[in-house]
Structure formats: C-alpha cells, structure tokens
Protein backbone atom coordinates (compact mmCIF):
# COMPACT_ATOMS: atom_id res chain seq x y z
CA MET A 1 192.64 -53.67 -108.05
CA LYS A 2 193.24 -56.55 -105.66
CA LYS A 3 196.35 -57.48 -103.75
CA ILE A 4 197.53 -60.88 -102.72
CA ASN A 5 200.49 -62.45 -100.80
CA LEU A 6 202.30 -65.30 -102.52
CA ALA A 7 203.76 -68.26 -100.74
CA LEU A 8 206.13 -70.29 -102.99
CA GLN A 9 207.00 -73.86 -102.26
CA GLY A 10 210.38 -75.44 -103.18
CA GLY A 11 210.66 -78.48 -105.38
CA GLY A 12 213.82 -78.40 -107.48
CA ALA A 13 213.19 -78.22 -111.26
CA HIS A 14 209.40 -78.34 -110.50
CA GLY A 15 209.84 -74.71 -109.51
CA ALA A 16 209.36 -74.03 -113.21
CA PHE A 17 205.74 -74.88 -112.62
CA THR A 18 205.74 -71.95 -110.27
CA TRP A 19 207.42 -69.87 -112.94
CA GLY A 20 204.49 -70.34 -115.19
CA ILE A 21 201.93 -69.39 -112.50
CA LEU A 22 203.88 -66.26 -111.68
CA ASP A 23 203.94 -65.35 -115.40
CA ARG A 24 200.20 -65.55 -115.56
CA LEU A 25 199.61 -63.71 -112.29
CA LEU A 26 201.93 -60.94 -113.50
CA GLU A 27 199.72 -60.59 -116.55
CA GLU A 28 196.60 -59.94 -114.51
CA GLU A 29 196.14 -56.23 -114.67
CA LYS A 30 193.83 -55.99 -111.62
CA LEU A 31 196.05 -58.04 -109.39
CA GLU A 32 199.11 -56.74 -107.41
CA ILE A 33 201.55 -58.55 -105.26
CA ALA A 34 201.55 -57.51 -101.65
CA GLY A 35 204.28 -59.89 -100.36
CA ILE A 36 206.19 -63.04 -101.21
CA SER A 37 207.43 -65.83 -98.93
CA GLY A 38 209.62 -68.29 -100.76
CA THR A 39 211.66 -71.45 -99.93
CA SER A 40 214.35 -73.25 -102.05
CA ALA A 41 213.15 -73.12 -105.69
CA GLY A 42 210.45 -70.79 -104.45
CA ALA A 43 213.06 -68.44 -103.01
CA MET A 44 214.87 -68.39 -106.34
CA ASN A 45 211.60 -67.58 -108.19
CA ALA A 46 210.97 -64.78 -105.66
CA VAL A 47 214.37 -63.08 -105.96
CA ALA A 48 214.28 -63.37 -109.74
CA LEU A 49 210.84 -61.88 -109.98
CA THR A 50 211.84 -59.07 -107.50
CA ASP A 51 215.01 -58.20 -109.30
CA GLY A 52 213.18 -57.77 -112.62
CA TYR A 53 210.25 -56.06 -111.10
CA VAL A 54 212.41 -53.34 -109.62
CA LYS A 55 214.12 -52.83 -112.97
CA ASN A 56 211.06 -52.72 -115.28
CA GLY A 57 207.92 -53.63 -113.43
CA LYS A 58 205.79 -56.66 -114.37
CA ASP A 59 207.45 -57.04 -117.80
CA GLY A 60 210.86 -56.93 -116.14
CA ALA A 61 209.80 -59.64 -113.68
CA LYS A 62 208.62 -61.95 -116.49
CA LYS A 63 211.90 -61.39 -118.41
CA SER A 64 214.03 -62.02 -115.30
CA LEU A 65 212.20 -65.24 -114.44
CA ARG A 66 212.69 -66.69 -118.01
CA ASN A 67 216.30 -65.63 -118.04
CA PHE A 68 216.89 -67.34 -114.64
CA TRP A 69 215.37 -70.68 -115.65
CA GLU A 70 217.20 -70.64 -118.95
CA LYS A 71 220.48 -70.13 -117.16
CA ILE A 72 219.48 -73.03 -114.82
CA SER A 73 219.09 -75.34 -117.90
CA GLN A 74 222.45 -74.19 -119.27
CA VAL A 75 224.25 -75.10 -116.04
CA ALA A 76 222.38 -78.45 -115.87
CA ALA A 77 223.45 -79.29 -119.35
CA PHE A 78 226.97 -80.05 -117.84
CA SER A 79 225.66 -82.30 -115.13
CA PRO A 80 226.53 -86.00 -115.44
CA VAL A 81 223.08 -86.79 -114.21
CA GLN A 82 220.82 -86.93 -117.27
CA ARG A 83 217.91 -88.84 -118.61
CA SER A 84 218.61 -92.24 -120.12
CA PRO A 85 218.23 -92.54 -123.92
CA ILE A 86 215.27 -94.88 -123.41
CA ASP A 87 213.53 -92.37 -121.21
CA LYS A 88 214.06 -89.69 -123.83
CA PHE A 89 212.72 -91.93 -126.50
CA MET A 90 209.66 -92.81 -124.40
CA GLY A 91 209.03 -89.19 -123.29
CA ASN A 92 209.60 -89.93 -119.67
CA TRP A 93 210.85 -86.84 -117.74
CA SER A 94 212.02 -88.71 -114.67
CA ILE A 95 215.64 -89.73 -114.45
CA GLU A 96 215.49 -92.53 -111.91
CA ASN A 97 216.24 -95.16 -114.57
CA ALA A 98 219.50 -93.50 -115.54
CA PHE A 99 222.67 -95.19 -114.25
CA SER A 100 224.10 -91.78 -113.56
CA PHE A 101 221.25 -90.94 -111.18
CA GLN A 102 221.37 -94.33 -109.45
CA TRP A 103 225.08 -93.89 -109.03
CA PHE A 104 224.78 -90.30 -107.68
CA ASP A 105 221.92 -91.30 -105.34
CA THR A 106 224.00 -94.21 -103.86
CA LEU A 107 227.07 -92.03 -103.64
CA THR A 108 225.36 -89.22 -101.66
CA ARG A 109 223.98 -91.73 -99.13
CA ALA A 110 227.41 -93.32 -98.61
CA ALA A 111 229.54 -90.05 -98.34
CA SER A 112 228.69 -86.52 -97.25
CA PRO A 113 229.24 -83.45 -99.46
CA TYR A 114 232.19 -82.66 -97.14
CA ASP A 115 233.87 -85.85 -98.36
CA LEU A 116 232.82 -85.67 -101.96
CA ASN A 117 233.28 -81.92 -102.49
CA PRO A 118 235.89 -80.67 -99.99
CA LEU A 119 236.50 -77.52 -102.03
CA ASN A 120 232.77 -76.67 -101.71
CA PHE A 121 232.26 -76.13 -105.47
CA ASN A 122 228.63 -74.81 -106.02
CA PRO A 123 227.59 -73.90 -109.36
CA LEU A 124 224.12 -73.04 -108.21
CA LEU A 125 225.45 -70.43 -105.84
CA ASP A 126 227.60 -68.95 -108.64
CA LEU A 127 224.59 -68.77 -110.88
CA ILE A 128 222.56 -66.91 -108.27
CA LYS A 129 225.37 -64.40 -107.61
CA ASN A 130 225.78 -63.82 -111.35
CA GLU A 131 222.16 -63.50 -112.41
CA ILE A 132 220.43 -61.80 -109.57
CA ASP A 133 221.16 -58.10 -108.74
CA PHE A 134 220.73 -58.07 -104.99
CA ASP A 135 220.97 -54.33 -104.79
CA CYS A 136 217.78 -54.20 -106.72
CA VAL A 137 216.18 -56.82 -104.48
CA ASN A 138 217.26 -54.96 -101.31
CA ARG A 139 215.73 -51.67 -102.38
CA CYS A 140 212.36 -53.08 -103.58
CA ASP A 141 209.58 -51.07 -101.90
CA VAL A 142 206.59 -52.34 -103.90
CA PHE A 143 206.05 -55.64 -101.96
CA ASP A 144 207.55 -57.53 -98.98
CA LEU A 145 209.88 -60.48 -99.50
CA PHE A 146 210.80 -63.30 -97.03
CA ILE A 147 213.06 -66.25 -97.52
CA SER A 148 213.10 -69.29 -95.29
CA ALA A 149 216.04 -71.48 -94.24
CA THR A 150 216.63 -74.00 -91.49
CA ASN A 151 219.09 -73.28 -88.70
CA VAL A 152 221.14 -76.48 -88.39
CA ASN A 153 222.13 -75.72 -84.77
CA THR A 154 218.68 -75.06 -83.42
CA GLY A 155 216.37 -76.83 -85.83
CA ARG A 156 214.29 -73.67 -86.09
CA VAL A 157 213.26 -71.74 -89.14
CA LYS A 158 215.28 -68.55 -90.07
CA ILE A 159 213.49 -65.82 -92.01
CA PHE A 160 215.64 -63.49 -94.18
CA ASP A 161 213.96 -60.32 -95.47
CA ARG A 162 214.70 -58.46 -98.58
CA LYS A 163 216.46 -55.42 -96.91
CA SER A 164 219.64 -57.56 -96.19
CA LEU A 165 219.11 -60.44 -98.50
CA THR A 166 222.21 -62.00 -100.22
CA ALA A 167 222.97 -64.76 -102.58
CA ASP A 168 224.24 -66.94 -99.68
CA MET A 169 220.93 -66.63 -97.90
CA VAL A 170 218.97 -67.75 -100.96
CA MET A 171 221.34 -70.66 -101.42
CA ALA A 172 220.89 -71.51 -97.76
CA SER A 173 217.10 -71.82 -98.49
CA ALA A 174 217.93 -74.37 -101.15
CA CYS A 175 220.79 -76.22 -99.40
CA LEU A 176 219.90 -80.01 -99.45
CA PRO A 177 222.21 -81.49 -96.84
CA LEU A 178 223.14 -84.59 -98.77
CA VAL A 179 224.06 -82.51 -101.87
CA PHE A 180 225.62 -79.32 -100.57
CA GLN A 181 227.69 -78.30 -97.56
CA ALA A 182 225.81 -76.14 -95.13
CA ILE A 183 225.77 -72.55 -95.95
CA GLU A 184 227.33 -70.44 -93.13
CA ILE A 185 226.06 -66.95 -92.57
CA ASP A 186 227.45 -64.98 -89.66
CA GLY A 187 229.00 -68.23 -88.40
CA VAL A 188 225.63 -70.09 -88.37
CA PRO A 189 225.09 -73.12 -90.63
CA TYR A 190 221.91 -73.36 -92.60
CA TRP A 191 220.13 -76.08 -94.63
CA ASP A 192 217.10 -76.15 -96.90
CA GLY A 193 214.19 -74.16 -95.57
CA GLY A 194 211.75 -76.86 -96.57
CA TYR A 195 212.36 -78.70 -93.41
CA MET A 196 210.82 -75.99 -91.22
CA GLY A 197 208.92 -73.70 -93.66
CA ASN A 198 207.89 -74.79 -97.15
CA PRO A 199 206.95 -72.03 -97.43
CA SER A 200 206.70 -70.07 -94.15
CA LEU A 201 203.31 -68.20 -93.94
CA PHE A 202 203.75 -66.37 -90.64
CA PRO A 203 206.00 -63.60 -91.97
CA LEU A 204 203.13 -62.47 -94.16
CA TYR A 205 200.50 -62.10 -91.36
CA HIS A 206 201.37 -58.62 -90.29
CA ALA A 207 203.84 -57.55 -93.07
CA ASN A 208 201.09 -55.67 -94.88
CA LYS A 209 197.30 -54.97 -94.88
CA CYS A 210 196.54 -57.84 -97.16
CA ASP A 211 194.83 -60.87 -95.61
CA ASP A 212 194.95 -63.16 -98.62
CA ILE A 213 197.77 -65.79 -99.03
CA LEU A 214 198.03 -67.74 -102.28
CA ILE A 215 200.13 -70.87 -101.81
CA ILE A 216 201.69 -72.31 -104.93
CA GLN A 217 201.78 -76.02 -104.17
CA ILE A 218 204.36 -78.26 -105.76
CA ASN A 219 204.79 -81.16 -103.22
CA PRO A 220 201.65 -83.35 -103.08
CA ILE A 221 199.99 -83.58 -99.65
CA GLU A 222 198.03 -86.71 -100.49
CA ARG A 223 198.84 -89.87 -102.50
CA PRO A 224 196.57 -92.92 -102.76
CA GLY A 225 197.96 -96.17 -101.48
CA PRO A 226 201.17 -97.07 -99.66
CA PRO A 227 204.53 -96.86 -101.44
CA LYS A 228 206.05 -100.33 -101.98
CA ASN A 229 209.64 -100.10 -103.15
CA THR A 230 212.44 -98.19 -101.40
CA ARG A 231 212.55 -95.38 -103.92
CA GLU A 232 208.85 -94.78 -103.44
CA ILE A 233 209.07 -94.93 -99.70
CA THR A 234 211.97 -92.39 -99.61
CA ASP A 235 210.18 -90.10 -101.92
CA ARG A 236 206.96 -90.15 -99.90
CA ILE A 237 208.89 -89.61 -96.68
CA ASN A 238 210.42 -86.49 -98.27
CA GLU A 239 206.96 -85.21 -99.48
CA ILE A 240 205.58 -85.66 -95.97
CA THR A 241 208.53 -83.99 -94.27
CA PHE A 242 208.53 -81.05 -96.68
CA ASN A 243 204.82 -80.49 -96.21
CA ALA A 244 204.71 -80.89 -92.42
CA SER A 245 205.42 -77.22 -91.52
CA LEU A 246 202.89 -75.97 -94.04
CA LEU A 247 200.22 -78.17 -92.71
CA SER A 248 200.97 -77.02 -89.13
CA GLU A 249 200.56 -73.38 -90.18
CA LEU A 250 197.30 -74.00 -92.00
CA ARG A 251 196.06 -75.93 -88.92
CA ALA A 252 196.87 -72.88 -86.81
CA ILE A 253 195.17 -70.49 -89.22
CA HIS A 254 192.04 -72.66 -89.15
CA PHE A 255 192.10 -72.80 -85.31
CA VAL A 256 192.35 -68.86 -84.97
CA SER A 257 189.61 -68.43 -87.65
CA ARG A 258 187.32 -70.84 -85.79
CA LEU A 259 187.79 -69.07 -82.46
CA LYS A 260 187.17 -65.63 -84.07
CA LYS A 261 183.91 -66.95 -85.72
CA GLU A 262 182.76 -68.42 -82.45
CA GLY A 263 183.40 -65.12 -80.67
CA VAL A 264 185.98 -66.61 -78.31
CA LEU A 265 188.85 -64.59 -79.72
CA GLN A 266 188.04 -60.94 -80.17
CA ASP A 267 191.50 -59.55 -80.08
CA THR A 268 192.00 -57.50 -83.24
CA TYR A 269 195.69 -58.55 -83.37
CA TYR A 270 194.64 -61.94 -84.86
CA GLN A 271 193.77 -61.77 -88.56
CA ASP A 272 191.22 -63.95 -90.29
CA ILE A 273 193.59 -65.14 -92.99
CA LYS A 274 192.10 -66.09 -96.30
CA ILE A 275 193.88 -69.04 -97.84
CA HIS A 276 194.12 -69.97 -101.46
CA ILE A 277 196.09 -72.76 -103.17
CA ILE A 278 197.12 -73.27 -106.80
CA GLU A 279 198.22 -76.74 -107.53
CA ASN A 280 197.97 -79.39 -110.37
CA GLN A 281 198.85 -82.69 -108.76
CA LYS A 282 197.16 -84.58 -111.69
CA GLU A 283 199.99 -83.32 -113.95
CA LEU A 284 202.85 -83.17 -111.38
CA ASN A 285 202.40 -86.42 -109.35
CA PRO A 286 203.09 -88.85 -112.29
CA LEU A 287 206.37 -87.05 -113.03
CA GLY A 288 208.19 -88.69 -110.03
CA ALA A 289 210.46 -87.13 -107.50
CA SER A 290 213.62 -87.71 -109.57
CA SER A 291 212.33 -85.32 -112.25
CA LYS A 292 212.93 -82.54 -109.77
CA MET A 293 216.58 -82.97 -110.80
CA ASN A 294 215.87 -82.74 -114.55
CA ALA A 295 216.57 -79.18 -115.60
CA GLU A 296 216.44 -79.69 -119.40
CA LEU A 297 215.02 -76.57 -120.93
CA ALA A 298 212.30 -78.59 -122.77
CA PHE A 299 211.13 -80.00 -119.41
CA LEU A 300 211.20 -76.61 -117.72
CA GLU A 301 209.20 -75.14 -120.55
CA HIS A 302 206.70 -77.99 -120.30
CA LEU A 303 206.30 -77.19 -116.52
CA ARG A 304 205.96 -73.58 -117.21
CA GLU A 305 203.12 -74.28 -119.64
CA ILE A 306 201.36 -76.49 -117.06
CA GLY A 307 201.70 -73.73 -114.46
CA TYR A 308 200.51 -70.94 -116.81
CA GLU A 309 197.41 -72.88 -117.86
CA THR A 310 196.66 -73.87 -114.25
CA ALA A 311 196.87 -70.26 -113.01
CA THR A 312 194.61 -69.23 -115.89
CA LEU A 313 191.94 -71.61 -114.85
CA TRP A 314 192.29 -70.75 -111.20
CA LEU A 315 191.89 -67.06 -111.86
CA GLU A 316 188.80 -67.63 -113.94
CA LYS A 317 187.21 -69.56 -111.16
CA ASN A 318 188.47 -67.72 -108.01
CA TYR A 319 189.40 -64.13 -108.82
CA LYS A 320 186.18 -62.90 -107.39
CA ASP A 321 186.96 -64.45 -104.07
CA ILE A 322 190.30 -62.65 -103.56
CA GLY A 323 189.84 -60.23 -100.69
CA ASN A 324 186.51 -61.78 -99.75
CA SER A 325 186.83 -65.38 -98.68
CA SER A 326 189.18 -68.36 -98.66
CA THR A 327 188.98 -70.75 -101.65
CA VAL A 328 190.36 -73.60 -99.45
CA ASP A 329 188.08 -75.37 -97.02
CA LEU A 330 190.41 -75.78 -94.14
CA LYS A 331 187.66 -77.21 -91.96
CA LYS A 332 187.22 -80.04 -94.50
CA MET A 333 191.12 -80.45 -94.74
CA PHE A 334 191.46 -80.99 -90.99
CA ALA A 335 188.14 -82.75 -90.41
CA GLY A 336 188.36 -85.51 -87.87
CA LEU A 337 191.44 -84.14 -86.11
CA THR A 338 191.34 -83.37 -82.37
CA LYS A 339 190.31 -79.69 -81.90
C-alpha cells in the first residue's frame, strides 16, 4: 500500500478533468490519499471527494464527485452564456464565438460585480451549501484537507483546513473578482486562491509522513509562440498568473533538495519532497480558456474521460516510483535559472 498527497489546481469547468483523475486514483486498491490541497475547482473536487469518502469510503467519494459535477451542469443550463449553434454543430467546446460570452466578457470589464449584482446572488455558493455536508468534511480523519484563498487586504495566501471548513471558505477559493463579490469571512475579504496558491503545496509538507505530492495540472505552464490577439494575450496572462505561485514553490522544493544532496543542508526538518504531475496539455490546450465556462454535462463527461485515461496511463508508467523518487525533473524544469 502506498500513500500520496494530492494538489488540485483550479480551472473552472476543466476541473472535470481532475474529476476523472480522482475517479481513477480512487480505484487503485494499493493507493491511499494522505492529504489534499485544493484551489478553486480543485477545492470543490476536494470537498466533494471528502464528503463522499466519510460517508462510504472510495465508492462514496466517486459517487459524490459525479453528483457534484452533474449538479454543476444543471445550474449552468440556466446560464445565458452558452455555446453558439455553429460551435455546437462543429463540435467546438469553447464559447468565445458566442455573442452571449462576448457580451458578458465586455460587461464584466466595464462594471464590477458590486454594480451588476448588488444583491450578491451566487448560485455556485448555494450549490456548494446544498450538495456538500460540511459536518462530514470537518470530521474526516482519514486524510488532511487544505483549501487556499487569497486575502484581498494583504495579498497573501490563506489556508483553511478541514476542521473548520465552510461553504463560504470553498467559495472564497473560487471567487473570481470580476465575476463575484469578495467573500468575507470574519470580516476579511477573499478572492480566488489561484492568485497566491494554485494549488498551495506547503501545507502538505509536514501534515503527514508522506513525502510524495501529486499535482493535477490544468493550466498550461508552456505554450509555443506569442499570443497575437487581445483574447489570446489576456488568456495567456491569466495562465502565467495562475501558475506563478506553483512554480515558485517547485523552485523552492528543487533548491532544498539540491542543498540536501550536496550535504549543505543536514537539518532533518527539511524534507526531500518527491514531486509528480499528471497533465494532458495535448488535449486541454486546444480547448481554449473560454471553455472553462462551459459546464454542459456532455463536455464535463468528455473531460472526465480524458482525465481517467490520463491517470490510467500515468499509473502504469509511474506507480513504482511513488514513495521512491520524483517523476518530475525539477532540475531540467529550472535549468538556466540563477541558483
């Protein structure tokens, strides 16, 4: 039996890709979850999994994940932002060509959610409250759970753990500032955790005895060639922004690992973290950033299948390395940077 920590990125509807990966990991009989750190859609996957796990183990977790994403699609069915008929005919999952999306995008740049939604109507928050039993989440003692949000006042990351986790905290982790009003918790406003921790790795370092962290990557770190039009530029800026904190943490892990190998750092407090990443940018990159707002059930199921198959291939190749060595070459990733 092997244990692993999971780090779940945010990415809107693309979180269904993570759903598929989690489904496959839960089916692996010789693999147990030691801890989870999630942000935004990753936070929602994390609490849905935890809720179901407490109720009925791995089978309950799988059932809870499916139920949550099906509910997401039902709520999204009432959204005015939908794919255009041409995109549906052509099998294009992105919605950037739809007039409703262009109108919504322009409107959110011209007016804030405080102007457009003064009553602070938030169907996503209502869904989280209705579908997740936070009493179950709070009493989970099988694995650790951490949710990241961004403190608007200080610009620092805020980590919420499972013992006191609420629906507001999960919503804070997914609060895009141009779409939702900031979520206030104990008088402090919070925005999407992706700005400062997408996902945060450091809560997992000493939470348990497991040194392996598996990152489920949704947002691409690299793209070939410069973006040319304003939509591509904006999307790439967002991708870079939402990966910045993760890259900083990976850089720090690589630095500590190098010092330990060189014998410079002998303090046993510092762990030699083993990093693993599951991603499938070949399938996700062509979808476009606007598809993160497409929550049609057919699309979510499509992403789930991609995630499930990706995790299956990853396990076949890398299961033997869990607990033994990293499957990500951080030295190569940061080659050429100043030491």
